């Protein structure tokens, strides 16, 4: 399993758990359907995951890029800097999946 897949799995797990907890709390406070509030929170979690993907892919400043290039050692095979395009696409697709799941639950409820 790649590092990106583990991070996406962690983001999805945290997003779903937080959506379930917040949805239950808000539904009980409002006296409404738990399923409907869970769907709302899934929509918010999907938007947060998409925002994370977009903000983590922001390019670094030129000064940091030059400093990183000069300080980089020859034997480093793995760069731990900004995520590559496939990571960004993976996170964005995970966010869209959360949004779609929330929408399907909203329609079904």
C-alpha atoms as a PDB file:
ATOM      1  CA  UNK A   1       0.000   0.000   0.000  1.00  0.00           C
ATOM      2  CA  UNK A   2       1.419   3.360  -0.961  1.00  0.00           C
ATOM      3  CA  UNK A   3       1.863   6.266   1.391  1.00  0.00           C
ATOM      4  CA  UNK A   4      -0.745   8.321  -0.492  1.00  0.00           C
ATOM      5  CA  UNK A   5      -3.359   5.583  -0.217  1.00  0.00           C
ATOM      6  CA  UNK A   6      -2.779   5.347   3.535  1.00  0.00           C
ATOM      7  CA  UNK A   7      -3.169   9.117   3.892  1.00  0.00           C
ATOM      8  CA  UNK A   8      -6.380   9.094   1.855  1.00  0.00           C
ATOM      9  CA  UNK A   9      -7.704   6.193   3.914  1.00  0.00           C
ATOM     10  CA  UNK A  10      -6.887   8.087   7.085  1.00  0.00           C
ATOM     11  CA  UNK A  11      -8.551  11.250   5.764  1.00  0.00           C
ATOM     12  CA  UNK A  12     -11.675   9.322   4.771  1.00  0.00           C
ATOM     13  CA  UNK A  13     -11.811   7.493   8.094  1.00  0.00           C
ATOM     14  CA  UNK A  14     -11.423  10.676  10.094  1.00  0.00           C
ATOM     15  CA  UNK A  15     -13.944  12.466   7.870  1.00  0.00           C
ATOM     16  CA  UNK A  16     -16.578   9.764   8.231  1.00  0.00           C
ATOM     17  CA  UNK A  17     -16.035   9.414  11.988  1.00  0.00           C
ATOM     18  CA  UNK A  18     -16.216  13.170  12.518  1.00  0.00           C
ATOM     19  CA  UNK A  19     -19.318  13.387  10.310  1.00  0.00           C
ATOM     20  CA  UNK A  20     -21.011  10.637  12.303  1.00  0.00           C
ATOM     21  CA  UNK A  21     -20.152  12.212  15.660  1.00  0.00           C
ATOM     22  CA  UNK A  22     -21.112  15.747  14.638  1.00  0.00           C
ATOM     23  CA  UNK A  23     -24.233  14.527  12.828  1.00  0.00           C
ATOM     24  CA  UNK A  24     -25.437  12.615  15.890  1.00  0.00           C
ATOM     25  CA  UNK A  25     -24.728  15.540  18.207  1.00  0.00           C
ATOM     26  CA  UNK A  26     -26.468  18.101  15.988  1.00  0.00           C
ATOM     27  CA  UNK A  27     -29.420  15.821  15.281  1.00  0.00           C
ATOM     28  CA  UNK A  28     -29.995  15.199  18.970  1.00  0.00           C
ATOM     29  CA  UNK A  29     -29.640  18.903  19.725  1.00  0.00           C
ATOM     30  CA  UNK A  30     -32.086  19.869  16.972  1.00  0.00           C
ATOM     31  CA  UNK A  31     -34.443  16.947  17.498  1.00  0.00           C
ATOM     32  CA  UNK A  32     -34.241  15.932  13.830  1.00  0.00           C
ATOM     33  CA  UNK A  33     -33.199  12.869  11.848  1.00  0.00           C
ATOM     34  CA  UNK A  34     -29.713  11.549  12.625  1.00  0.00           C
ATOM     35  CA  UNK A  35     -29.392  10.168   9.100  1.00  0.00           C
ATOM     36  CA  UNK A  36     -30.102  13.553   7.522  1.00  0.00           C
ATOM     37  CA  UNK A  37     -27.577  15.345   9.724  1.00  0.00           C
ATOM     38  CA  UNK A  38     -25.020  12.615   9.039  1.00  0.00           C
ATOM     39  CA  UNK A  39     -25.505  13.296   5.316  1.00  0.00           C
ATOM     40  CA  UNK A  40     -24.999  17.036   5.873  1.00  0.00           C
ATOM     41  CA  UNK A  41     -21.800  16.378   7.785  1.00  0.00           C
ATOM     42  CA  UNK A  42     -20.549  14.042   5.043  1.00  0.00           C
ATOM     43  CA  UNK A  43     -21.021  16.902   2.576  1.00  0.00           C
ATOM     44  CA  UNK A  44     -18.959  19.179   4.802  1.00  0.00           C
ATOM     45  CA  UNK A  45     -16.269  16.504   5.293  1.00  0.00           C
ATOM     46  CA  UNK A  46     -16.047  16.041   1.515  1.00  0.00           C
ATOM     47  CA  UNK A  47     -15.605  19.777   1.023  1.00  0.00           C
ATOM     48  CA  UNK A  48     -12.872  19.844   3.686  1.00  0.00           C
ATOM     49  CA  UNK A  49     -11.009  16.943   2.023  1.00  0.00           C
ATOM     50  CA  UNK A  50     -11.197  18.706  -1.368  1.00  0.00           C
ATOM     51  CA  UNK A  51      -9.967  21.947   0.204  1.00  0.00           C
ATOM     52  CA  UNK A  52      -7.091  20.043   1.834  1.00  0.00           C
ATOM     53  CA  UNK A  53      -6.139  18.579  -1.543  1.00  0.00           C
ATOM     54  CA  UNK A  54      -6.157  21.988  -3.208  1.00  0.00           C
ATOM     55  CA  UNK A  55      -4.286  23.835  -0.458  1.00  0.00           C
ATOM     56  CA  UNK A  56      -1.655  21.129   0.017  1.00  0.00           C
ATOM     57  CA  UNK A  57      -0.842  21.289  -3.669  1.00  0.00           C
ATOM     58  CA  UNK A  58      -0.026  24.992  -3.617  1.00  0.00           C
ATOM     59  CA  UNK A  59       3.437  25.629  -5.036  1.00  0.00           C
ATOM     60  CA  UNK A  60       6.201  26.586  -2.659  1.00  0.00           C
ATOM     61  CA  UNK A  61       7.962  29.904  -2.874  1.00  0.00           C
ATOM     62  CA  UNK A  62      10.977  30.218  -5.153  1.00  0.00           C
ATOM     63  CA  UNK A  63      13.275  30.830  -2.191  1.00  0.00           C
ATOM     64  CA  UNK A  64      12.235  27.585  -0.510  1.00  0.00           C
ATOM     65  CA  UNK A  65      12.549  25.658  -3.757  1.00  0.00           C
ATOM     66  CA  UNK A  66      16.107  26.900  -4.342  1.00  0.00           C
ATOM     67  CA  UNK A  67      17.104  26.210  -0.727  1.00  0.00           C
ATOM     68  CA  UNK A  68      15.655  22.709  -0.917  1.00  0.00           C
ATOM     69  CA  UNK A  69      17.517  22.049  -4.155  1.00  0.00           C
ATOM     70  CA  UNK A  70      20.881  23.055  -2.652  1.00  0.00           C
ATOM     71  CA  UNK A  71      20.332  21.195   0.605  1.00  0.00           C
ATOM     72  CA  UNK A  72      19.082  18.022  -1.021  1.00  0.00           C
ATOM     73  CA  UNK A  73      21.431  15.089  -0.657  1.00  0.00           C
ATOM     74  CA  UNK A  74      22.332  12.931  -3.623  1.00  0.00           C
ATOM     75  CA  UNK A  75      21.171   9.660  -2.071  1.00  0.00           C
ATOM     76  CA  UNK A  76      17.608  10.758  -1.213  1.00  0.00           C
ATOM     77  CA  UNK A  77      15.214   8.685  -3.289  1.00  0.00           C
ATOM     78  CA  UNK A  78      11.957   9.842  -1.729  1.00  0.00           C
ATOM     79  CA  UNK A  79      10.982  13.499  -1.587  1.00  0.00           C
ATOM     80  CA  UNK A  80       8.698  14.328   1.344  1.00  0.00           C
ATOM     81  CA  UNK A  81       7.716  17.766   0.039  1.00  0.00           C
ATOM     82  CA  UNK A  82       4.469  18.723  -1.623  1.00  0.00           C
ATOM     83  CA  UNK A  83       2.307  15.900  -2.932  1.00  0.00           C
ATOM     84  CA  UNK A  84       2.508  14.943  -6.567  1.00  0.00           C
ATOM     85  CA  UNK A  85      -0.391  15.376  -8.948  1.00  0.00           C
ATOM     86  CA  UNK A  86      -1.698  11.847  -8.477  1.00  0.00           C
ATOM     87  CA  UNK A  87      -1.902  12.433  -4.703  1.00  0.00           C
ATOM     88  CA  UNK A  88      -3.881  15.604  -5.282  1.00  0.00           C
ATOM     89  CA  UNK A  89      -6.187  13.821  -7.678  1.00  0.00           C
ATOM     90  CA  UNK A  90      -6.625  10.977  -5.194  1.00  0.00           C
ATOM     91  CA  UNK A  91      -7.596  13.367  -2.383  1.00  0.00           C
ATOM     92  CA  UNK A  92      -9.947  15.324  -4.654  1.00  0.00           C
ATOM     93  CA  UNK A  93     -11.660  12.099  -5.763  1.00  0.00           C
ATOM     94  CA  UNK A  94     -12.002  11.018  -2.121  1.00  0.00           C
ATOM     95  CA  UNK A  95     -13.656  14.345  -1.320  1.00  0.00           C
ATOM     96  CA  UNK A  96     -16.023  13.986  -4.246  1.00  0.00           C
ATOM     97  CA  UNK A  97     -16.855  10.458  -3.050  1.00  0.00           C
ATOM     98  CA  UNK A  98     -17.751  11.827   0.402  1.00  0.00           C
ATOM     99  CA  UNK A  99     -19.927  14.494  -1.212  1.00  0.00           C
ATOM    100  CA  UNK A 100     -21.651  11.910  -3.389  1.00  0.00           C
ATOM    101  CA  UNK A 101     -22.255   9.610  -0.412  1.00  0.00           C
ATOM    102  CA  UNK A 102     -23.767  12.504   1.523  1.00  0.00           C
ATOM    103  CA  UNK A 103     -25.987  13.396  -1.428  1.00  0.00           C
ATOM    104  CA  UNK A 104     -27.205   9.823  -1.842  1.00  0.00           C
ATOM    105  CA  UNK A 105     -28.041   9.610   1.877  1.00  0.00           C
ATOM    106  CA  UNK A 106     -29.838  12.970   1.721  1.00  0.00           C
ATOM    107  CA  UNK A 107     -31.949  11.827  -1.213  1.00  0.00           C
ATOM    108  CA  UNK A 108     -32.738   8.494   0.445  1.00  0.00           C
ATOM    109  CA  UNK A 109     -33.695  10.085   3.783  1.00  0.00           C
END
